[in-house]
Amino acid sequence: MARRGGVFHKLPARREKERRTAADERQTSASLRKQCGLRMRWGSRRAADWPACWNVREEISPTDFLTSSLVKKAHQRLFFLRTLKKNQLSADILGNFYRCAIESILTNCISAWYGNCTVTDRKALQRVVKTAQRIIGTPIPAIEDVHKKRCLRRARNILKDSSHPANKLFQLLPSRRRYRSLRTKTSRFRNSFFPTAVTLLNSVPR
């Protein structure tokens, strides 16, 4: 019981205010869901299933945030590369620093995500390589070449390991010269690692 003239006489009114606030929040949430037309169907990728109030842009690539963070980290380390250049270090030391501190960031798990990068993302990554190349003064492999090299090396390692779960995806044709191409229905799957690896293996002369 609340005590008159004390502190506890305000408790009933406070509880009633909390109930009203909770009811208002539930009503507001329900009206927003109705207004946005939210359909709670997990796994659907249609634009109509997303609420308009979220302002989801379809042109955003799933690798936009990844490449932007990689480019940002690489630019931070270009400062140290310029510092080493100002101290007149040799091109070999600058190249080693680039491979250890910059290229290792740009090409981390590159075989998994580079295939689905947009043209803008690839140009941003290549600009970092060109900037480092001007600083060092010696040619540096392009990101595209590094991606192909990593994919081929990973695919050959899978082919050598018969116990690998993905080994069965690389099936030789009856000619024993080319591998069977994987059937793909979406561009995302077509640009992923395994279809790209099969294409690269078929393009390498035997």
N, C-alpha and C. Protein backbone atom coordinates (compact mmCIF):
# COMPACT_ATOMS: atom_id res chain seq x y z
N MET A 1 0.84 -1.19 0.00
CA MET A 1 0.00 0.00 0.00
C MET A 1 0.88 1.24 0.00
N ALA A 2 0.43 2.28 -0.73
CA ALA A 2 1.19 3.52 -0.79
C ALA A 2 0.89 4.34 0.46
N ARG A 3 1.86 5.01 1.03
CA ARG A 3 1.74 5.79 2.24
C ARG A 3 1.46 7.24 1.90
N ARG A 4 0.43 7.84 2.54
CA ARG A 4 0.09 9.23 2.28
C ARG A 4 1.13 10.16 2.89
N GLY A 5 1.44 11.20 2.17
CA GLY A 5 2.40 12.18 2.65
C GLY A 5 3.83 11.73 2.52
N GLY A 6 4.07 10.50 2.04
CA GLY A 6 5.42 9.99 1.87
C GLY A 6 5.80 9.90 0.40
N VAL A 7 6.82 9.11 0.15
CA VAL A 7 7.34 8.98 -1.19
C VAL A 7 6.53 7.98 -1.99
N PHE A 8 5.93 6.98 -1.31
CA PHE A 8 5.34 5.86 -2.00
C PHE A 8 3.96 6.16 -2.58
N HIS A 9 3.39 7.33 -2.29
CA HIS A 9 2.07 7.62 -2.82
C HIS A 9 2.10 7.86 -4.33
N LYS A 10 3.28 8.05 -4.93
CA LYS A 10 3.41 8.30 -6.36
C LYS A 10 3.55 7.01 -7.17
N LEU A 11 3.68 5.86 -6.50
CA LEU A 11 3.92 4.60 -7.21
C LEU A 11 2.75 4.21 -8.12
N PRO A 12 1.50 4.25 -7.68
CA PRO A 12 0.42 3.87 -8.60
C PRO A 12 0.39 4.72 -9.86
N ALA A 13 0.57 6.03 -9.69
CA ALA A 13 0.55 6.90 -10.86
C ALA A 13 1.73 6.59 -11.79
N ARG A 14 2.90 6.30 -11.20
CA ARG A 14 4.07 5.98 -12.02
C ARG A 14 3.87 4.69 -12.80
N ARG A 15 3.28 3.67 -12.14
CA ARG A 15 3.02 2.41 -12.82
C ARG A 15 2.01 2.59 -13.95
N GLU A 16 1.01 3.41 -13.69
CA GLU A 16 0.03 3.67 -14.74
C GLU A 16 0.66 4.38 -15.93
N LYS A 17 1.61 5.27 -15.65
CA LYS A 17 2.31 5.96 -16.73
C LYS A 17 3.17 5.00 -17.53
N GLU A 18 3.82 4.04 -16.84
CA GLU A 18 4.62 3.05 -17.54
C GLU A 18 3.77 2.15 -18.42
N ARG A 19 2.59 1.78 -17.93
CA ARG A 19 1.69 0.96 -18.74
C ARG A 19 1.26 1.71 -20.00
N ARG A 20 0.95 3.00 -19.86
CA ARG A 20 0.56 3.79 -21.02
C ARG A 20 1.70 3.90 -22.03
N THR A 21 2.93 4.10 -21.51
CA THR A 21 4.08 4.21 -22.41
C THR A 21 4.31 2.91 -23.18
N ALA A 22 4.22 1.79 -22.48
CA ALA A 22 4.40 0.49 -23.14
C ALA A 22 3.32 0.25 -24.19
N ALA A 23 2.07 0.63 -23.86
CA ALA A 23 0.98 0.45 -24.83
C ALA A 23 1.18 1.34 -26.05
N ASP A 24 1.64 2.59 -25.83
CA ASP A 24 1.92 3.48 -26.95
C ASP A 24 3.03 2.94 -27.84
N GLU A 25 4.06 2.37 -27.21
CA GLU A 25 5.16 1.80 -28.00
C GLU A 25 4.70 0.62 -28.84
N ARG A 26 3.87 -0.24 -28.27
CA ARG A 26 3.36 -1.38 -29.03
C ARG A 26 2.49 -0.91 -30.19
N GLN A 27 1.66 0.11 -29.95
CA GLN A 27 0.79 0.63 -30.99
C GLN A 27 1.61 1.28 -32.11
N THR A 28 2.67 2.03 -31.72
CA THR A 28 3.53 2.66 -32.72
C THR A 28 4.27 1.62 -33.56
N SER A 29 4.77 0.57 -32.90
CA SER A 29 5.48 -0.48 -33.61
C SER A 29 4.56 -1.20 -34.58
N ALA A 30 3.32 -1.47 -34.16
CA ALA A 30 2.37 -2.14 -35.04
C ALA A 30 2.02 -1.28 -36.24
N SER A 31 1.86 0.02 -36.01
CA SER A 31 1.53 0.91 -37.13
C SER A 31 2.69 1.03 -38.11
N LEU A 32 3.91 1.04 -37.58
CA LEU A 32 5.07 1.09 -38.48
C LEU A 32 5.18 -0.17 -39.32
N ARG A 33 4.95 -1.34 -38.70
CA ARG A 33 5.00 -2.58 -39.47
C ARG A 33 3.93 -2.61 -40.54
N LYS A 34 2.75 -2.09 -40.21
CA LYS A 34 1.67 -2.05 -41.19
C LYS A 34 1.98 -1.07 -42.30
N GLN A 35 2.57 0.09 -41.95
CA GLN A 35 2.89 1.11 -42.95
C GLN A 35 4.00 0.65 -43.87
N CYS A 36 5.00 -0.01 -43.33
CA CYS A 36 6.13 -0.45 -44.14
C CYS A 36 5.82 -1.70 -44.94
N GLY A 37 4.79 -2.43 -44.55
CA GLY A 37 4.46 -3.65 -45.26
C GLY A 37 5.50 -4.73 -45.05
N LEU A 38 5.96 -4.88 -43.84
CA LEU A 38 7.02 -5.84 -43.55
C LEU A 38 6.48 -7.27 -43.65
N ARG A 39 7.17 -8.11 -44.40
CA ARG A 39 6.80 -9.51 -44.53
C ARG A 39 7.90 -10.35 -43.91
N MET A 40 7.58 -11.00 -42.85
CA MET A 40 8.57 -11.77 -42.11
C MET A 40 8.77 -13.13 -42.77
N ARG A 41 9.46 -13.13 -43.89
CA ARG A 41 9.77 -14.37 -44.58
C ARG A 41 11.29 -14.45 -44.73
N TRP A 42 11.89 -15.27 -43.94
CA TRP A 42 13.34 -15.35 -43.90
C TRP A 42 13.84 -16.00 -45.18
N GLY A 43 14.98 -15.50 -45.67
CA GLY A 43 15.61 -16.07 -46.84
C GLY A 43 15.16 -15.46 -48.14
N SER A 44 14.13 -14.63 -48.14
CA SER A 44 13.67 -14.01 -49.38
C SER A 44 14.56 -12.84 -49.72
N ARG A 45 14.84 -12.68 -51.02
CA ARG A 45 15.73 -11.61 -51.46
C ARG A 45 15.02 -10.59 -52.34
N ARG A 46 13.68 -10.73 -52.46
CA ARG A 46 12.98 -9.78 -53.30
C ARG A 46 12.92 -8.42 -52.63
N ALA A 47 12.98 -7.37 -53.46
CA ALA A 47 12.96 -6.02 -52.91
C ALA A 47 11.63 -5.71 -52.24
N ALA A 48 10.54 -6.37 -52.71
CA ALA A 48 9.22 -6.09 -52.13
C ALA A 48 9.11 -6.59 -50.71
N ASP A 49 9.96 -7.55 -50.30
CA ASP A 49 9.89 -8.08 -48.95
C ASP A 49 10.56 -7.18 -47.94
N TRP A 50 11.29 -6.19 -48.39
CA TRP A 50 11.97 -5.28 -47.46
C TRP A 50 11.11 -4.05 -47.24
N PRO A 51 11.01 -3.54 -46.02
CA PRO A 51 10.21 -2.34 -45.77
C PRO A 51 10.82 -1.12 -46.43
N ALA A 52 9.96 -0.29 -46.99
CA ALA A 52 10.45 0.90 -47.69
C ALA A 52 11.09 1.90 -46.74
N CYS A 53 10.66 1.88 -45.46
CA CYS A 53 11.20 2.85 -44.52
C CYS A 53 12.65 2.56 -44.17
N TRP A 54 13.16 1.35 -44.50
CA TRP A 54 14.57 1.06 -44.22
C TRP A 54 15.49 1.69 -45.25
N ASN A 55 14.94 2.10 -46.39
CA ASN A 55 15.71 2.77 -47.44
C ASN A 55 16.89 1.90 -47.88
N VAL A 56 16.60 0.65 -48.21
CA VAL A 56 17.63 -0.28 -48.67
C VAL A 56 17.90 -0.03 -50.14
N ARG A 57 19.16 0.18 -50.50
CA ARG A 57 19.53 0.44 -51.88
C ARG A 57 19.98 -0.86 -52.52
N GLU A 58 19.36 -1.22 -53.66
CA GLU A 58 19.69 -2.46 -54.32
C GLU A 58 21.06 -2.40 -55.00
N GLU A 59 21.53 -1.19 -55.31
CA GLU A 59 22.79 -1.10 -56.04
C GLU A 59 24.01 -1.27 -55.14
N ILE A 60 23.82 -1.42 -53.83
CA ILE A 60 24.94 -1.62 -52.93
C ILE A 60 25.47 -3.03 -53.08
N SER A 61 26.76 -3.15 -53.31
CA SER A 61 27.39 -4.46 -53.44
C SER A 61 27.65 -5.03 -52.05
N PRO A 62 27.55 -6.35 -51.89
CA PRO A 62 27.85 -6.93 -50.57
C PRO A 62 29.29 -6.79 -50.16
N THR A 63 30.18 -6.41 -51.11
CA THR A 63 31.59 -6.24 -50.77
C THR A 63 32.00 -4.77 -50.66
N ASP A 64 31.02 -3.85 -50.71
CA ASP A 64 31.35 -2.42 -50.64
C ASP A 64 32.04 -2.08 -49.33
N PHE A 65 31.45 -2.53 -48.23
CA PHE A 65 32.00 -2.19 -46.92
C PHE A 65 33.34 -2.88 -46.69
N LEU A 66 33.50 -4.09 -47.23
CA LEU A 66 34.75 -4.82 -47.07
C LEU A 66 35.88 -4.11 -47.80
N THR A 67 35.66 -3.78 -49.07
CA THR A 67 36.72 -3.14 -49.86
C THR A 67 37.05 -1.75 -49.33
N SER A 68 36.04 -1.01 -48.87
CA SER A 68 36.31 0.33 -48.35
C SER A 68 37.18 0.26 -47.11
N SER A 69 36.92 -0.72 -46.23
CA SER A 69 37.75 -0.86 -45.04
C SER A 69 39.16 -1.32 -45.39
N LEU A 70 39.29 -2.21 -46.39
CA LEU A 70 40.61 -2.66 -46.80
C LEU A 70 41.42 -1.52 -47.41
N VAL A 71 40.77 -0.73 -48.25
CA VAL A 71 41.46 0.40 -48.87
C VAL A 71 41.87 1.43 -47.82
N LYS A 72 41.02 1.64 -46.84
CA LYS A 72 41.35 2.59 -45.77
C LYS A 72 42.57 2.13 -44.99
N LYS A 73 42.63 0.84 -44.63
CA LYS A 73 43.78 0.32 -43.90
C LYS A 73 45.05 0.38 -44.75
N ALA A 74 44.91 0.09 -46.04
CA ALA A 74 46.08 0.12 -46.91
C ALA A 74 46.62 1.54 -47.06
N HIS A 75 45.73 2.53 -47.15
CA HIS A 75 46.18 3.93 -47.24
C HIS A 75 46.90 4.36 -45.98
N GLN A 76 46.47 3.86 -44.84
CA GLN A 76 47.16 4.20 -43.60
C GLN A 76 48.59 3.67 -43.61
N ARG A 77 48.80 2.50 -44.18
CA ARG A 77 50.14 1.92 -44.22
C ARG A 77 51.01 2.48 -45.34
N LEU A 78 50.38 3.14 -46.32
CA LEU A 78 51.17 3.82 -47.35
C LEU A 78 51.99 4.96 -46.75
N PHE A 79 51.50 5.52 -45.66
CA PHE A 79 52.26 6.58 -44.99
C PHE A 79 53.63 6.06 -44.53
N PHE A 80 53.65 4.86 -43.96
CA PHE A 80 54.92 4.29 -43.51
C PHE A 80 55.81 3.93 -44.69
N LEU A 81 55.21 3.53 -45.81
CA LEU A 81 56.00 3.24 -47.01
C LEU A 81 56.66 4.51 -47.53
N ARG A 82 55.94 5.63 -47.50
CA ARG A 82 56.54 6.91 -47.92
C ARG A 82 57.64 7.34 -46.96
N THR A 83 57.44 7.06 -45.67
CA THR A 83 58.47 7.41 -44.69
C THR A 83 59.75 6.62 -44.94
N LEU A 84 59.62 5.35 -45.25
CA LEU A 84 60.80 4.54 -45.57
C LEU A 84 61.47 5.04 -46.85
N LYS A 85 60.67 5.49 -47.81
CA LYS A 85 61.23 6.02 -49.05
C LYS A 85 62.00 7.31 -48.79
N LYS A 86 61.49 8.16 -47.89
CA LYS A 86 62.19 9.41 -47.58
C LYS A 86 63.53 9.15 -46.89
N ASN A 87 63.60 8.04 -46.16
CA ASN A 87 64.86 7.68 -45.50
C ASN A 87 65.83 6.95 -46.43
N GLN A 88 65.47 6.92 -47.73
CA GLN A 88 66.34 6.39 -48.78
C GLN A 88 66.69 4.91 -48.56
N LEU A 89 65.68 4.12 -48.23
CA LEU A 89 65.88 2.68 -48.15
C LEU A 89 65.83 2.08 -49.55
N SER A 90 66.40 0.90 -49.72
CA SER A 90 66.48 0.26 -51.03
C SER A 90 65.10 -0.22 -51.48
N ALA A 91 65.00 -0.46 -52.79
CA ALA A 91 63.73 -0.92 -53.35
C ALA A 91 63.36 -2.31 -52.85
N ASP A 92 64.34 -3.14 -52.54
CA ASP A 92 64.05 -4.48 -52.03
C ASP A 92 63.37 -4.42 -50.67
N ILE A 93 63.87 -3.53 -49.80
CA ILE A 93 63.25 -3.39 -48.48
C ILE A 93 61.84 -2.81 -48.60
N LEU A 94 61.68 -1.84 -49.50
CA LEU A 94 60.35 -1.26 -49.71
C LEU A 94 59.39 -2.31 -50.26
N GLY A 95 59.87 -3.15 -51.17
CA GLY A 95 59.01 -4.21 -51.71
C GLY A 95 58.62 -5.22 -50.65
N ASN A 96 59.56 -5.57 -49.79
CA ASN A 96 59.24 -6.50 -48.71
C ASN A 96 58.21 -5.90 -47.74
N PHE A 97 58.37 -4.60 -47.45
CA PHE A 97 57.40 -3.95 -46.57
C PHE A 97 56.03 -3.91 -47.23
N TYR A 98 55.99 -3.66 -48.53
CA TYR A 98 54.70 -3.63 -49.23
C TYR A 98 54.02 -5.00 -49.17
N ARG A 99 54.76 -6.06 -49.43
CA ARG A 99 54.16 -7.39 -49.42
C ARG A 99 53.69 -7.80 -48.03
N CYS A 100 54.42 -7.39 -47.00
CA CYS A 100 54.07 -7.79 -45.64
C CYS A 100 52.96 -6.93 -45.03
N ALA A 101 53.00 -5.63 -45.28
CA ALA A 101 52.10 -4.72 -44.57
C ALA A 101 50.91 -4.25 -45.40
N ILE A 102 51.02 -4.24 -46.73
CA ILE A 102 49.96 -3.68 -47.56
C ILE A 102 49.29 -4.76 -48.41
N GLU A 103 50.10 -5.52 -49.14
CA GLU A 103 49.51 -6.55 -50.00
C GLU A 103 48.81 -7.63 -49.18
N SER A 104 49.34 -7.93 -48.00
CA SER A 104 48.71 -8.94 -47.15
C SER A 104 47.32 -8.52 -46.71
N ILE A 105 47.07 -7.21 -46.62
CA ILE A 105 45.75 -6.70 -46.25
C ILE A 105 44.81 -6.75 -47.45
N LEU A 106 45.29 -6.30 -48.60
CA LEU A 106 44.45 -6.24 -49.79
C LEU A 106 44.07 -7.62 -50.30
N THR A 107 44.92 -8.61 -50.09
CA THR A 107 44.68 -9.94 -50.66
C THR A 107 44.30 -10.96 -49.61
N ASN A 108 43.85 -10.54 -48.45
CA ASN A 108 43.43 -11.48 -47.41
C ASN A 108 42.15 -12.19 -47.83
N CYS A 109 42.21 -13.52 -48.02
CA CYS A 109 41.06 -14.31 -48.48
C CYS A 109 40.50 -13.75 -49.79
N ILE A 110 41.37 -13.32 -50.68
CA ILE A 110 40.92 -12.67 -51.91
C ILE A 110 40.16 -13.61 -52.82
N SER A 111 40.45 -14.90 -52.74
CA SER A 111 39.75 -15.85 -53.61
C SER A 111 38.28 -15.99 -53.23
N ALA A 112 37.91 -15.57 -52.05
CA ALA A 112 36.52 -15.71 -51.60
C ALA A 112 35.66 -14.51 -51.96
N TRP A 113 36.22 -13.29 -51.99
CA TRP A 113 35.38 -12.12 -52.15
C TRP A 113 35.67 -11.28 -53.40
N TYR A 114 36.84 -11.45 -54.02
CA TYR A 114 37.19 -10.54 -55.12
C TYR A 114 36.31 -10.74 -56.34
N GLY A 115 35.85 -11.95 -56.59
CA GLY A 115 35.06 -12.21 -57.79
C GLY A 115 33.77 -11.42 -57.83
N ASN A 116 33.17 -11.12 -56.69
CA ASN A 116 31.90 -10.39 -56.65
C ASN A 116 32.09 -8.90 -56.42
N CYS A 117 33.31 -8.41 -56.51
CA CYS A 117 33.55 -6.97 -56.37
C CYS A 117 33.06 -6.23 -57.61
N THR A 118 32.59 -5.03 -57.42
CA THR A 118 32.19 -4.20 -58.54
C THR A 118 33.42 -3.58 -59.20
N VAL A 119 33.20 -2.96 -60.35
CA VAL A 119 34.31 -2.31 -61.07
C VAL A 119 34.89 -1.18 -60.23
N THR A 120 34.04 -0.47 -59.53
CA THR A 120 34.51 0.62 -58.67
C THR A 120 35.42 0.10 -57.56
N ASP A 121 35.02 -1.02 -56.95
CA ASP A 121 35.83 -1.60 -55.89
C ASP A 121 37.19 -2.05 -56.42
N ARG A 122 37.20 -2.67 -57.59
CA ARG A 122 38.46 -3.15 -58.16
C ARG A 122 39.39 -1.99 -58.53
N LYS A 123 38.80 -0.91 -59.02
CA LYS A 123 39.64 0.26 -59.34
C LYS A 123 40.22 0.88 -58.08
N ALA A 124 39.43 0.90 -57.00
CA ALA A 124 39.93 1.45 -55.74
C ALA A 124 41.08 0.62 -55.21
N LEU A 125 40.97 -0.70 -55.30
CA LEU A 125 42.06 -1.56 -54.86
C LEU A 125 43.30 -1.40 -55.73
N GLN A 126 43.08 -1.28 -57.05
CA GLN A 126 44.22 -1.15 -57.96
C GLN A 126 44.91 0.19 -57.80
N ARG A 127 44.17 1.23 -57.40
CA ARG A 127 44.81 2.53 -57.19
C ARG A 127 45.82 2.47 -56.05
N VAL A 128 45.50 1.69 -55.03
CA VAL A 128 46.47 1.52 -53.93
C VAL A 128 47.73 0.85 -54.43
N VAL A 129 47.58 -0.15 -55.30
CA VAL A 129 48.75 -0.84 -55.85
C VAL A 129 49.58 0.11 -56.72
N LYS A 130 48.91 0.91 -57.52
CA LYS A 130 49.65 1.85 -58.37
C LYS A 130 50.38 2.90 -57.54
N THR A 131 49.75 3.36 -56.47
CA THR A 131 50.42 4.33 -55.60
C THR A 131 51.66 3.73 -54.97
N ALA A 132 51.55 2.50 -54.48
CA ALA A 132 52.72 1.83 -53.91
C ALA A 132 53.80 1.59 -54.96
N GLN A 133 53.37 1.31 -56.17
CA GLN A 133 54.34 1.08 -57.25
C GLN A 133 55.12 2.35 -57.58
N ARG A 134 54.47 3.49 -57.56
CA ARG A 134 55.17 4.76 -57.79
C ARG A 134 56.14 5.07 -56.66
N ILE A 135 55.77 4.72 -55.45
CA ILE A 135 56.65 4.99 -54.31
C ILE A 135 57.88 4.09 -54.36
N ILE A 136 57.67 2.81 -54.63
CA ILE A 136 58.79 1.86 -54.62
C ILE A 136 59.66 2.04 -55.86
N GLY A 137 59.03 2.25 -57.00
CA GLY A 137 59.80 2.42 -58.23
C GLY A 137 60.04 1.13 -59.00
N THR A 138 59.41 0.05 -58.59
CA THR A 138 59.52 -1.24 -59.28
C THR A 138 58.13 -1.77 -59.56
N PRO A 139 57.97 -2.60 -60.59
CA PRO A 139 56.63 -3.13 -60.90
C PRO A 139 56.11 -4.05 -59.81
N ILE A 140 54.80 -3.97 -59.58
CA ILE A 140 54.12 -4.77 -58.56
C ILE A 140 52.98 -5.53 -59.24
N PRO A 141 52.77 -6.78 -58.90
CA PRO A 141 51.66 -7.53 -59.51
C PRO A 141 50.31 -6.87 -59.25
N ALA A 142 49.46 -6.85 -60.26
CA ALA A 142 48.13 -6.28 -60.12
C ALA A 142 47.26 -7.17 -59.24
N ILE A 143 46.21 -6.58 -58.69
CA ILE A 143 45.30 -7.32 -57.83
C ILE A 143 44.63 -8.45 -58.61
N GLU A 144 44.29 -8.20 -59.87
CA GLU A 144 43.66 -9.24 -60.69
C GLU A 144 44.57 -10.44 -60.86
N ASP A 145 45.86 -10.18 -61.09
CA ASP A 145 46.82 -11.28 -61.26
C ASP A 145 47.00 -12.06 -59.96
N VAL A 146 47.02 -11.34 -58.84
CA VAL A 146 47.14 -12.02 -57.55
C VAL A 146 45.92 -12.90 -57.28
N HIS A 147 44.76 -12.39 -57.64
CA HIS A 147 43.53 -13.17 -57.46
C HIS A 147 43.57 -14.46 -58.27
N LYS A 148 43.97 -14.38 -59.52
CA LYS A 148 44.04 -15.58 -60.36
C LYS A 148 45.08 -16.56 -59.83
N LYS A 149 46.19 -16.05 -59.39
CA LYS A 149 47.25 -16.92 -58.86
C LYS A 149 46.79 -17.64 -57.60
N ARG A 150 46.11 -16.92 -56.70
CA ARG A 150 45.64 -17.54 -55.46
C ARG A 150 44.55 -18.58 -55.75
N CYS A 151 43.66 -18.27 -56.69
CA CYS A 151 42.59 -19.23 -57.02
C CYS A 151 43.17 -20.51 -57.61
N LEU A 152 44.15 -20.37 -58.52
CA LEU A 152 44.76 -21.55 -59.12
C LEU A 152 45.50 -22.38 -58.07
N ARG A 153 46.21 -21.72 -57.19
CA ARG A 153 46.95 -22.46 -56.17
C ARG A 153 46.00 -23.18 -55.22
N ARG A 154 44.93 -22.53 -54.85
CA ARG A 154 43.97 -23.17 -53.95
C ARG A 154 43.26 -24.33 -54.65
N ALA A 155 42.91 -24.15 -55.93
CA ALA A 155 42.23 -25.22 -56.66
C ALA A 155 43.15 -26.44 -56.82
N ARG A 156 44.41 -26.21 -57.09
CA ARG A 156 45.34 -27.34 -57.24
C ARG A 156 45.55 -28.06 -55.92
N ASN A 157 45.55 -27.32 -54.82
CA ASN A 157 45.65 -27.98 -53.51
C ASN A 157 44.43 -28.85 -53.23
N ILE A 158 43.25 -28.38 -53.66
CA ILE A 158 42.04 -29.19 -53.48
C ILE A 158 42.10 -30.44 -54.34
N LEU A 159 42.62 -30.30 -55.56
CA LEU A 159 42.72 -31.46 -56.45
C LEU A 159 43.69 -32.51 -55.90
N LYS A 160 44.74 -32.06 -55.23
CA LYS A 160 45.70 -33.01 -54.67
C LYS A 160 45.15 -33.76 -53.47
N ASP A 161 44.20 -33.15 -52.76
CA ASP A 161 43.64 -33.74 -51.55
C ASP A 161 42.32 -34.43 -51.90
N SER A 162 42.34 -35.73 -52.04
CA SER A 162 41.13 -36.48 -52.41
C SER A 162 40.09 -36.49 -51.29
N SER A 163 40.51 -36.23 -50.05
CA SER A 163 39.57 -36.21 -48.94
C SER A 163 38.90 -34.85 -48.74
N HIS A 164 39.26 -33.87 -49.55
CA HIS A 164 38.66 -32.54 -49.43
C HIS A 164 37.19 -32.60 -49.84
N PRO A 165 36.28 -31.96 -49.09
CA PRO A 165 34.85 -32.01 -49.44
C PRO A 165 34.53 -31.45 -50.83
N ALA A 166 35.34 -30.50 -51.32
CA ALA A 166 35.07 -29.89 -52.62
C ALA A 166 35.83 -30.56 -53.75
N ASN A 167 36.51 -31.65 -53.46
CA ASN A 167 37.28 -32.32 -54.51
C ASN A 167 36.37 -32.85 -55.62
N LYS A 168 35.17 -33.27 -55.28
CA LYS A 168 34.27 -33.84 -56.27
C LYS A 168 33.70 -32.79 -57.23
N LEU A 169 33.86 -31.52 -56.90
CA LEU A 169 33.37 -30.46 -57.79
C LEU A 169 34.24 -30.32 -59.04
N PHE A 170 35.47 -30.79 -58.97
CA PHE A 170 36.39 -30.70 -60.11
C PHE A 170 36.38 -32.06 -60.82
N GLN A 171 35.53 -32.19 -61.82
CA GLN A 171 35.38 -33.44 -62.56
C GLN A 171 35.96 -33.27 -63.96
N LEU A 172 36.84 -34.19 -64.32
CA LEU A 172 37.43 -34.16 -65.65
C LEU A 172 36.43 -34.66 -66.69
N LEU A 173 36.48 -34.06 -67.86
CA LEU A 173 35.66 -34.51 -68.97
C LEU A 173 36.27 -35.78 -69.57
N PRO A 174 35.54 -36.49 -70.42
CA PRO A 174 36.11 -37.70 -71.03
C PRO A 174 37.42 -37.47 -71.78
N SER A 175 37.65 -36.25 -72.25
CA SER A 175 38.90 -35.95 -72.94
C SER A 175 40.10 -35.91 -72.00
N ARG A 176 39.83 -35.81 -70.69
CA ARG A 176 40.88 -35.75 -69.65
C ARG A 176 41.76 -34.52 -69.79
N ARG A 177 41.26 -33.49 -70.45
CA ARG A 177 42.03 -32.26 -70.64
C ARG A 177 41.38 -31.06 -69.98
N ARG A 178 40.09 -31.10 -69.85
CA ARG A 178 39.36 -29.98 -69.28
C ARG A 178 38.45 -30.48 -68.17
N TYR A 179 38.06 -29.54 -67.29
CA TYR A 179 37.16 -29.86 -66.19
C TYR A 179 35.74 -29.43 -66.55
N ARG A 180 34.80 -30.14 -66.01
CA ARG A 180 33.39 -29.84 -66.29
C ARG A 180 33.00 -28.54 -65.60
N SER A 181 32.42 -27.63 -66.36
CA SER A 181 32.00 -26.34 -65.81
C SER A 181 30.80 -26.53 -64.90
N LEU A 182 30.77 -25.76 -63.83
CA LEU A 182 29.68 -25.85 -62.87
C LEU A 182 28.46 -25.08 -63.39
N ARG A 183 27.30 -25.66 -63.20
CA ARG A 183 26.07 -25.01 -63.64
C ARG A 183 25.69 -23.93 -62.63
N THR A 184 25.55 -22.71 -63.10
CA THR A 184 25.23 -21.58 -62.22
C THR A 184 24.00 -20.87 -62.74
N LYS A 185 23.18 -20.38 -61.81
CA LYS A 185 21.97 -19.66 -62.17
C LYS A 185 22.05 -18.17 -61.83
N THR A 186 22.93 -17.81 -60.93
CA THR A 186 23.06 -16.41 -60.51
C THR A 186 24.48 -15.94 -60.76
N SER A 187 24.61 -14.64 -60.96
CA SER A 187 25.94 -14.06 -61.19
C SER A 187 26.80 -14.13 -59.93
N ARG A 188 26.16 -14.10 -58.76
CA ARG A 188 26.92 -14.18 -57.52
C ARG A 188 27.63 -15.53 -57.40
N PHE A 189 26.91 -16.59 -57.73
CA PHE A 189 27.52 -17.92 -57.69
C PHE A 189 28.53 -18.08 -58.83
N ARG A 190 28.24 -17.50 -60.00
CA ARG A 190 29.14 -17.61 -61.14
C ARG A 190 30.48 -16.95 -60.86
N ASN A 191 30.47 -15.87 -60.08
CA ASN A 191 31.71 -15.15 -59.78
C ASN A 191 32.37 -15.63 -58.50
N SER A 192 31.81 -16.66 -57.86
CA SER A 192 32.41 -17.17 -56.63
C SER A 192 33.63 -18.02 -56.94
N PHE A 193 34.20 -18.63 -55.91
CA PHE A 193 35.51 -19.28 -56.08
C PHE A 193 35.47 -20.49 -56.99
N PHE A 194 34.55 -21.44 -56.77
CA PHE A 194 34.61 -22.71 -57.47
C PHE A 194 34.37 -22.58 -58.98
N PRO A 195 33.33 -21.87 -59.45
CA PRO A 195 33.22 -21.69 -60.91
C PRO A 195 34.41 -20.94 -61.50
N THR A 196 34.93 -19.95 -60.78
CA THR A 196 36.10 -19.22 -61.27
C THR A 196 37.32 -20.12 -61.33
N ALA A 197 37.50 -20.98 -60.33
CA ALA A 197 38.65 -21.89 -60.32
C ALA A 197 38.58 -22.87 -61.47
N VAL A 198 37.38 -23.40 -61.78
CA VAL A 198 37.24 -24.32 -62.91
C VAL A 198 37.58 -23.62 -64.22
N THR A 199 37.12 -22.38 -64.38
CA THR A 199 37.42 -21.62 -65.60
C THR A 199 38.92 -21.36 -65.73
N LEU A 200 39.57 -21.02 -64.63
CA LEU A 200 41.01 -20.76 -64.68
C LEU A 200 41.79 -22.04 -64.97
N LEU A 201 41.37 -23.15 -64.40
CA LEU A 201 42.05 -24.42 -64.67
C LEU A 201 41.92 -24.81 -66.14
N ASN A 202 40.76 -24.55 -66.74
CA ASN A 202 40.57 -24.86 -68.15
C ASN A 202 41.35 -23.93 -69.07
N SER A 203 41.63 -22.72 -68.60
CA SER A 203 42.35 -21.76 -69.43
C SER A 203 43.88 -21.96 -69.39
N VAL A 204 44.35 -22.68 -68.37
CA VAL A 204 45.79 -22.91 -68.26
C VAL A 204 46.22 -23.97 -69.26
N PRO A 205 47.20 -23.70 -70.11
CA PRO A 205 47.63 -24.72 -71.08
C PRO A 205 48.27 -25.91 -70.39
N ARG A 206 47.96 -27.10 -70.88
CA ARG A 206 48.51 -28.32 -70.30
C ARG A 206 49.71 -28.81 -71.10
